[in-house]
N, C-alpha and C. Protein backbone atom coordinates (compact mmCIF):
# COMPACT_ATOMS: atom_id res chain seq x y z
N MET A 1 98.34 65.58 98.30
CA MET A 1 97.34 66.37 97.63
C MET A 1 97.61 67.85 97.92
N LYS A 2 97.61 68.63 96.83
CA LYS A 2 97.89 70.05 96.93
C LYS A 2 96.61 70.81 97.25
N LYS A 3 96.66 71.66 98.25
CA LYS A 3 95.48 72.42 98.65
C LYS A 3 95.52 73.80 97.99
N LYS A 4 94.41 74.20 97.36
CA LYS A 4 94.31 75.50 96.72
C LYS A 4 94.16 76.61 97.76
N ARG A 5 94.91 77.70 97.54
CA ARG A 5 94.77 78.85 98.41
C ARG A 5 93.59 79.70 97.95
N GLU A 6 92.83 80.19 98.89
CA GLU A 6 91.71 81.07 98.56
C GLU A 6 92.22 82.44 98.14
N LYS A 7 91.44 83.11 97.29
CA LYS A 7 91.80 84.46 96.88
C LYS A 7 91.45 85.44 97.98
N ILE A 8 92.42 86.25 98.35
CA ILE A 8 92.23 87.28 99.36
C ILE A 8 92.21 88.62 98.62
N ILE A 9 91.14 89.39 98.81
CA ILE A 9 91.00 90.66 98.11
C ILE A 9 91.64 91.77 98.95
N TYR A 10 92.62 92.46 98.32
CA TYR A 10 93.30 93.57 98.98
C TYR A 10 92.71 94.92 98.60
N PHE A 11 92.19 95.03 97.39
CA PHE A 11 91.72 96.32 96.88
C PHE A 11 90.57 96.09 95.91
N ASN A 12 89.51 96.88 96.03
CA ASN A 12 88.35 96.77 95.15
C ASN A 12 87.80 98.17 94.94
N GLU A 13 87.79 98.62 93.70
CA GLU A 13 87.33 99.98 93.41
C GLU A 13 86.54 99.98 92.10
N THR A 14 85.42 100.67 92.12
CA THR A 14 84.60 100.86 90.92
C THR A 14 84.48 102.35 90.68
N GLN A 15 84.77 102.77 89.45
CA GLN A 15 84.71 104.19 89.14
C GLN A 15 84.04 104.41 87.79
N PRO A 16 83.29 105.49 87.68
CA PRO A 16 82.59 105.76 86.41
C PRO A 16 83.57 106.25 85.34
N VAL A 17 83.22 106.00 84.11
CA VAL A 17 83.97 106.55 82.98
C VAL A 17 83.26 107.85 82.63
N SER A 18 83.76 108.93 83.16
CA SER A 18 83.07 110.21 82.96
C SER A 18 83.82 111.02 81.92
N ARG A 19 83.32 110.99 80.73
CA ARG A 19 83.90 111.75 79.63
C ARG A 19 82.88 112.76 79.15
N PHE A 20 83.33 113.97 78.94
CA PHE A 20 82.45 115.05 78.50
C PHE A 20 81.85 114.75 77.13
N TRP A 21 82.64 114.17 76.22
CA TRP A 21 82.15 113.92 74.87
C TRP A 21 81.03 112.89 74.85
N ILE A 22 81.01 111.94 75.81
CA ILE A 22 79.93 110.95 75.88
C ILE A 22 78.63 111.65 76.25
N ARG A 23 78.70 112.54 77.23
CA ARG A 23 77.52 113.28 77.65
C ARG A 23 77.02 114.20 76.54
N LEU A 24 77.96 114.83 75.85
CA LEU A 24 77.59 115.72 74.75
C LEU A 24 76.93 114.95 73.61
N LEU A 25 77.48 113.78 73.28
CA LEU A 25 76.91 112.96 72.22
C LEU A 25 75.51 112.48 72.59
N LEU A 26 75.33 112.05 73.84
CA LEU A 26 74.01 111.60 74.29
C LEU A 26 73.00 112.74 74.23
N LEU A 27 73.39 113.91 74.69
CA LEU A 27 72.50 115.07 74.64
C LEU A 27 72.12 115.41 73.20
N PHE A 28 73.09 115.40 72.30
CA PHE A 28 72.82 115.68 70.90
C PHE A 28 71.85 114.66 70.31
N GLU A 29 72.09 113.38 70.56
CA GLU A 29 71.22 112.33 70.02
C GLU A 29 69.79 112.45 70.54
N VAL A 30 69.65 112.70 71.82
CA VAL A 30 68.31 112.81 72.41
C VAL A 30 67.57 114.00 71.82
N ILE A 31 68.22 115.13 71.69
CA ILE A 31 67.58 116.32 71.11
C ILE A 31 67.23 116.08 69.64
N PHE A 32 68.16 115.50 68.89
CA PHE A 32 67.95 115.27 67.46
C PHE A 32 66.77 114.32 67.22
N PHE A 33 66.79 113.17 67.88
CA PHE A 33 65.72 112.20 67.65
C PHE A 33 64.39 112.66 68.25
N SER A 34 64.43 113.40 69.33
CA SER A 34 63.19 113.94 69.89
C SER A 34 62.54 114.93 68.93
N ALA A 35 63.35 115.75 68.28
CA ALA A 35 62.83 116.71 67.31
C ALA A 35 62.20 116.01 66.11
N ILE A 36 62.87 114.95 65.64
CA ILE A 36 62.33 114.20 64.49
C ILE A 36 61.02 113.51 64.87
N ILE A 37 61.00 112.88 66.02
CA ILE A 37 59.77 112.19 66.48
C ILE A 37 58.63 113.20 66.69
N TYR A 38 58.93 114.35 67.30
CA TYR A 38 57.91 115.38 67.52
C TYR A 38 57.35 115.87 66.19
N ARG A 39 58.26 116.11 65.24
CA ARG A 39 57.82 116.62 63.94
C ARG A 39 56.91 115.62 63.22
N GLN A 40 57.31 114.34 63.23
CA GLN A 40 56.55 113.36 62.47
C GLN A 40 55.29 112.89 63.20
N LEU A 41 55.39 112.63 64.50
CA LEU A 41 54.24 112.09 65.23
C LEU A 41 53.21 113.15 65.61
N PHE A 42 53.67 114.29 66.07
CA PHE A 42 52.74 115.29 66.61
C PHE A 42 52.34 116.38 65.61
N LEU A 43 53.29 116.77 64.75
CA LEU A 43 52.97 117.79 63.76
C LEU A 43 52.45 117.20 62.45
N GLY A 44 52.70 115.90 62.25
CA GLY A 44 52.22 115.22 61.05
C GLY A 44 53.04 115.49 59.80
N LYS A 45 54.24 116.07 59.95
CA LYS A 45 55.12 116.34 58.81
C LYS A 45 56.17 115.23 58.72
N PRO A 46 56.14 114.42 57.69
CA PRO A 46 57.12 113.34 57.55
C PRO A 46 58.54 113.88 57.43
N PHE A 47 59.48 113.15 57.97
CA PHE A 47 60.88 113.57 57.97
C PHE A 47 61.61 112.90 56.81
N GLY A 48 62.20 113.68 55.93
CA GLY A 48 62.99 113.16 54.83
C GLY A 48 62.18 112.86 53.59
N PRO A 49 62.89 112.59 52.46
CA PRO A 49 62.20 112.32 51.20
C PRO A 49 61.44 110.99 51.20
N ARG A 50 61.95 109.99 51.91
CA ARG A 50 61.26 108.70 52.04
C ARG A 50 61.08 108.40 53.53
N PRO A 51 60.06 108.96 54.13
CA PRO A 51 59.90 108.83 55.58
C PRO A 51 59.62 107.39 56.04
N VAL A 52 60.12 107.10 57.21
CA VAL A 52 59.89 105.81 57.86
C VAL A 52 58.55 105.88 58.57
N THR A 53 57.94 104.72 58.83
CA THR A 53 56.69 104.70 59.58
C THR A 53 56.94 105.22 60.99
N ASN A 54 55.89 105.59 61.67
CA ASN A 54 56.03 106.12 63.04
C ASN A 54 56.67 105.10 63.97
N THR A 55 56.22 103.86 63.89
CA THR A 55 56.78 102.80 64.75
C THR A 55 58.25 102.58 64.40
N GLY A 56 58.55 102.55 63.11
CA GLY A 56 59.94 102.36 62.68
C GLY A 56 60.83 103.49 63.14
N LEU A 57 60.32 104.70 63.13
CA LEU A 57 61.09 105.86 63.58
C LEU A 57 61.43 105.76 65.07
N VAL A 58 60.45 105.38 65.87
CA VAL A 58 60.68 105.25 67.32
C VAL A 58 61.69 104.14 67.60
N VAL A 59 61.52 102.99 66.94
CA VAL A 59 62.44 101.86 67.14
C VAL A 59 63.84 102.23 66.68
N LEU A 60 63.97 102.85 65.52
CA LEU A 60 65.27 103.27 65.00
C LEU A 60 65.94 104.26 65.95
N SER A 61 65.18 105.20 66.47
CA SER A 61 65.72 106.19 67.42
C SER A 61 66.26 105.50 68.67
N LEU A 62 65.50 104.55 69.20
CA LEU A 62 65.96 103.82 70.39
C LEU A 62 67.22 103.01 70.10
N LEU A 63 67.26 102.34 68.97
CA LEU A 63 68.42 101.52 68.62
C LEU A 63 69.68 102.36 68.41
N LEU A 64 69.53 103.54 67.85
CA LEU A 64 70.69 104.40 67.63
C LEU A 64 71.14 105.13 68.89
N THR A 65 70.25 105.33 69.83
CA THR A 65 70.60 106.01 71.08
C THR A 65 71.13 105.04 72.14
N LEU A 66 70.78 103.78 72.05
CA LEU A 66 71.15 102.78 73.06
C LEU A 66 72.66 102.65 73.30
N PRO A 67 73.52 102.59 72.27
CA PRO A 67 74.96 102.48 72.55
C PRO A 67 75.52 103.65 73.36
N THR A 68 75.03 104.84 73.09
CA THR A 68 75.51 106.01 73.84
C THR A 68 75.03 105.96 75.29
N VAL A 69 73.82 105.48 75.50
CA VAL A 69 73.30 105.34 76.87
C VAL A 69 74.15 104.33 77.65
N VAL A 70 74.53 103.23 76.99
CA VAL A 70 75.39 102.23 77.63
C VAL A 70 76.73 102.87 77.99
N LEU A 71 77.32 103.66 77.09
CA LEU A 71 78.57 104.35 77.38
C LEU A 71 78.41 105.30 78.56
N PHE A 72 77.24 105.93 78.66
CA PHE A 72 76.98 106.89 79.73
C PHE A 72 77.03 106.23 81.11
N PHE A 73 76.55 104.98 81.22
CA PHE A 73 76.50 104.29 82.50
C PHE A 73 77.68 103.34 82.73
N MET A 74 78.67 103.36 81.87
CA MET A 74 79.79 102.44 81.97
C MET A 74 80.70 102.77 83.16
N LYS A 75 81.21 101.70 83.78
CA LYS A 75 82.13 101.84 84.91
C LYS A 75 83.30 100.87 84.73
N ILE A 76 84.41 101.19 85.39
CA ILE A 76 85.57 100.30 85.39
C ILE A 76 85.77 99.80 86.81
N ARG A 77 85.95 98.50 86.94
CA ARG A 77 86.17 97.90 88.26
C ARG A 77 87.59 97.36 88.31
N ILE A 78 88.33 97.76 89.36
CA ILE A 78 89.70 97.29 89.57
C ILE A 78 89.71 96.47 90.85
N LEU A 79 90.29 95.30 90.77
CA LEU A 79 90.34 94.38 91.90
C LEU A 79 91.76 93.83 92.03
N VAL A 80 92.31 93.90 93.22
CA VAL A 80 93.63 93.32 93.49
C VAL A 80 93.44 92.23 94.53
N ASN A 81 93.84 91.01 94.17
CA ASN A 81 93.80 89.92 95.15
C ASN A 81 95.21 89.37 95.31
N ASN A 82 95.36 88.27 96.03
CA ASN A 82 96.70 87.76 96.32
C ASN A 82 97.38 87.11 95.13
N ARG A 83 96.69 87.00 93.98
CA ARG A 83 97.28 86.37 92.80
C ARG A 83 97.45 87.30 91.61
N GLU A 84 96.53 88.28 91.46
CA GLU A 84 96.54 89.08 90.24
C GLU A 84 95.79 90.40 90.43
N ILE A 85 95.93 91.26 89.41
CA ILE A 85 95.17 92.50 89.31
C ILE A 85 94.16 92.27 88.20
N GLN A 86 92.88 92.53 88.48
CA GLN A 86 91.83 92.38 87.47
C GLN A 86 91.21 93.75 87.22
N TYR A 87 90.93 94.03 85.97
CA TYR A 87 90.16 95.23 85.65
C TYR A 87 89.19 94.87 84.53
N LYS A 88 87.96 95.33 84.71
CA LYS A 88 86.93 95.02 83.72
C LYS A 88 85.94 96.17 83.61
N MET A 89 85.27 96.18 82.46
CA MET A 89 84.27 97.19 82.16
C MET A 89 82.90 96.66 82.58
N LEU A 90 82.15 97.49 83.30
CA LEU A 90 80.80 97.13 83.73
C LEU A 90 79.81 98.03 83.01
N PRO A 91 78.61 97.74 82.80
CA PRO A 91 77.82 96.60 83.25
C PRO A 91 77.88 95.41 82.31
N LEU A 92 78.35 95.59 81.09
CA LEU A 92 78.27 94.51 80.11
C LEU A 92 79.45 93.56 80.14
N GLY A 93 80.53 93.90 80.80
CA GLY A 93 81.71 93.05 80.77
C GLY A 93 82.32 93.02 79.39
N ILE A 94 82.37 94.19 78.74
CA ILE A 94 82.91 94.29 77.38
C ILE A 94 84.33 93.75 77.33
N PHE A 95 85.12 94.08 78.32
CA PHE A 95 86.43 93.47 78.40
C PHE A 95 86.74 93.11 79.84
N LYS A 96 87.59 92.13 80.00
CA LYS A 96 88.04 91.72 81.33
C LYS A 96 89.48 91.23 81.18
N TYR A 97 90.38 91.91 81.84
CA TYR A 97 91.80 91.56 81.77
C TYR A 97 92.33 91.30 83.16
N HIS A 98 93.42 90.58 83.21
CA HIS A 98 94.09 90.37 84.49
C HIS A 98 95.60 90.38 84.27
N ILE A 99 96.31 90.84 85.29
CA ILE A 99 97.76 90.86 85.26
C ILE A 99 98.23 90.01 86.43
N GLU A 100 98.90 88.93 86.13
CA GLU A 100 99.42 88.06 87.19
C GLU A 100 100.65 88.71 87.79
N ARG A 101 100.91 88.42 89.04
CA ARG A 101 102.04 89.07 89.72
C ARG A 101 103.38 88.73 89.10
N GLN A 102 103.50 87.58 88.44
CA GLN A 102 104.75 87.19 87.80
C GLN A 102 105.06 88.06 86.58
N LYS A 103 104.05 88.68 86.01
CA LYS A 103 104.23 89.49 84.81
C LYS A 103 104.60 90.94 85.11
N LEU A 104 104.52 91.34 86.38
CA LEU A 104 104.84 92.72 86.76
C LEU A 104 106.35 92.90 86.89
N LYS A 105 106.85 93.96 86.27
CA LYS A 105 108.27 94.29 86.40
C LYS A 105 108.45 95.43 87.40
N ARG A 106 107.62 96.47 87.21
CA ARG A 106 107.72 97.66 88.04
C ARG A 106 106.36 98.35 88.08
N PHE A 107 106.11 99.13 89.13
CA PHE A 107 104.88 99.92 89.22
C PHE A 107 105.13 101.13 90.09
N SER A 108 104.41 102.22 89.78
CA SER A 108 104.59 103.46 90.55
C SER A 108 103.32 104.30 90.47
N VAL A 109 103.17 105.21 91.43
CA VAL A 109 102.04 106.15 91.44
C VAL A 109 102.39 107.28 90.48
N GLU A 110 101.47 107.59 89.57
CA GLU A 110 101.68 108.62 88.56
C GLU A 110 100.49 109.57 88.54
N THR A 111 100.72 110.76 88.02
CA THR A 111 99.65 111.73 87.80
C THR A 111 99.67 112.11 86.33
N ARG A 112 98.53 111.94 85.69
CA ARG A 112 98.39 112.30 84.27
C ARG A 112 97.58 113.57 84.17
N LYS A 113 97.78 114.30 83.09
CA LYS A 113 97.07 115.55 82.82
C LYS A 113 97.26 116.54 83.96
N GLU A 114 98.51 116.71 84.38
CA GLU A 114 98.81 117.60 85.52
C GLU A 114 98.46 119.06 85.22
N SER A 115 98.59 119.46 83.96
CA SER A 115 98.37 120.87 83.62
C SER A 115 96.89 121.23 83.46
N THR A 116 96.00 120.24 83.55
CA THR A 116 94.57 120.52 83.39
C THR A 116 93.91 120.75 84.76
N ALA A 117 92.65 121.10 84.72
CA ALA A 117 91.89 121.36 85.94
C ALA A 117 91.59 120.07 86.70
N HIS A 118 91.57 118.93 85.98
CA HIS A 118 91.25 117.64 86.59
C HIS A 118 92.37 116.63 86.36
N PRO A 119 93.44 116.71 87.16
CA PRO A 119 94.50 115.71 86.98
C PRO A 119 94.02 114.32 87.39
N VAL A 120 94.57 113.29 86.75
CA VAL A 120 94.16 111.91 86.99
C VAL A 120 95.31 111.17 87.65
N GLN A 121 95.07 110.62 88.84
CA GLN A 121 96.09 109.84 89.53
C GLN A 121 95.80 108.36 89.39
N GLY A 122 96.85 107.58 89.44
CA GLY A 122 96.70 106.14 89.33
C GLY A 122 98.03 105.45 89.38
N LEU A 123 98.07 104.20 88.97
CA LEU A 123 99.31 103.43 88.96
C LEU A 123 99.73 103.15 87.53
N LEU A 124 101.03 103.32 87.29
CA LEU A 124 101.62 102.99 86.01
C LEU A 124 102.36 101.68 86.19
N PHE A 125 101.97 100.67 85.42
CA PHE A 125 102.58 99.35 85.51
C PHE A 125 103.49 99.14 84.30
N GLN A 126 104.69 98.62 84.57
CA GLN A 126 105.56 98.18 83.49
C GLN A 126 105.59 96.66 83.56
N LEU A 127 105.19 96.02 82.48
CA LEU A 127 105.12 94.57 82.45
C LEU A 127 106.43 94.00 81.91
N LYS A 128 106.67 92.74 82.15
CA LYS A 128 107.92 92.11 81.73
C LYS A 128 108.08 92.07 80.22
N GLY A 129 107.00 92.12 79.48
CA GLY A 129 107.08 92.16 78.02
C GLY A 129 107.45 93.53 77.47
N GLY A 130 107.59 94.53 78.34
CA GLY A 130 107.95 95.87 77.92
C GLY A 130 106.76 96.81 77.78
N LYS A 131 105.54 96.30 77.92
CA LYS A 131 104.35 97.14 77.80
C LYS A 131 104.12 97.95 79.06
N HIS A 132 103.47 99.10 78.87
CA HIS A 132 103.09 99.97 79.98
C HIS A 132 101.58 100.05 80.05
N LEU A 133 101.04 100.11 81.27
CA LEU A 133 99.60 100.20 81.47
C LEU A 133 99.34 101.17 82.61
N PHE A 134 98.45 102.14 82.37
CA PHE A 134 98.06 103.10 83.40
C PHE A 134 96.63 102.81 83.83
N LEU A 135 96.43 102.57 85.13
CA LEU A 135 95.09 102.36 85.67
C LEU A 135 94.79 103.50 86.65
N PRO A 136 93.78 104.32 86.33
CA PRO A 136 93.42 105.43 87.22
C PRO A 136 92.77 104.91 88.49
N SER A 137 92.91 105.69 89.56
CA SER A 137 92.33 105.29 90.83
C SER A 137 91.96 106.52 91.65
N LYS A 138 90.90 106.39 92.45
CA LYS A 138 90.51 107.45 93.37
C LYS A 138 91.43 107.47 94.59
N ASN A 139 92.01 106.32 94.90
CA ASN A 139 92.88 106.18 96.06
C ASN A 139 94.17 105.47 95.64
N PRO A 140 95.08 106.19 94.94
CA PRO A 140 96.26 105.53 94.39
C PRO A 140 97.23 104.99 95.45
N GLU A 141 97.27 105.60 96.63
CA GLU A 141 98.18 105.11 97.67
C GLU A 141 97.76 103.73 98.17
N LEU A 142 96.46 103.57 98.43
CA LEU A 142 95.95 102.27 98.86
C LEU A 142 96.10 101.23 97.75
N PHE A 143 95.88 101.62 96.52
CA PHE A 143 96.07 100.75 95.36
C PHE A 143 97.52 100.28 95.30
N TYR A 144 98.46 101.22 95.50
CA TYR A 144 99.89 100.90 95.47
C TYR A 144 100.25 99.90 96.57
N LYS A 145 99.76 100.15 97.78
CA LYS A 145 100.06 99.25 98.91
C LYS A 145 99.47 97.86 98.67
N SER A 146 98.30 97.81 98.05
CA SER A 146 97.65 96.52 97.75
C SER A 146 98.46 95.74 96.72
N VAL A 147 98.96 96.42 95.72
CA VAL A 147 99.78 95.75 94.70
C VAL A 147 101.10 95.27 95.33
N GLU A 148 101.65 96.09 96.21
CA GLU A 148 102.87 95.66 96.93
C GLU A 148 102.62 94.36 97.71
N LYS A 149 101.50 94.30 98.43
CA LYS A 149 101.14 93.07 99.17
C LYS A 149 101.02 91.88 98.25
N MET A 150 100.39 92.10 97.11
CA MET A 150 100.19 91.03 96.15
C MET A 150 101.54 90.52 95.62
N VAL A 151 102.43 91.44 95.28
CA VAL A 151 103.74 91.06 94.72
C VAL A 151 104.56 90.29 95.77
N LYS A 152 104.50 90.73 97.02
CA LYS A 152 105.26 90.06 98.10
C LYS A 152 104.65 88.72 98.47
N GLY A 153 103.39 88.53 98.10
CA GLY A 153 102.73 87.26 98.41
C GLY A 153 102.25 87.15 99.83
N GLU A 154 101.91 88.26 100.44
CA GLU A 154 101.44 88.27 101.84
C GLU A 154 100.03 87.73 101.96
C-alpha cells in the first residue's frame, strides 16, 4: 500500500492588487452615483428624461458600484508547497491555478518596471510548454529559495 506524503508549505504570501485606476474608478463611481441620488432623493429633481424610482436608483447604484468595490479589496495569494506552486485571487476565488514542479523548466528573480518610481520584483517562470509567467512578490529571495526546495523535492 502506497502512503501519501503530506503537503509541506515552504512559502505563503498574500498581497493586495493595488492599481491606481481601480481606486480612481471607484472614486468616480461613488461621486457620480452620490450626486444622482442626492439630486433625486433630497432635491426632488428627477434624473434623466425617464427617471427611475428612488428605490430603483439606489439598487442600481449599488449593483453598478459593487464590481469596483470587489476589485478594490482583491488580493493574490501565492503558496509554494512540496508538490506545486499555487496562486489564486481572493476573496472570491475568481481564478486558481497551480504549476506542478514537473512543468517548470527555469525560474529566476526579475524586476519589472525598473524605470518607474515603484519597481515590481518577483519570479519569472519558464514552463516546459514555452510559456512565461511572472509572479510578483514582496520577498522574491525567499520565494526563489522555496521554489528551489520544491523542485529538489526536499
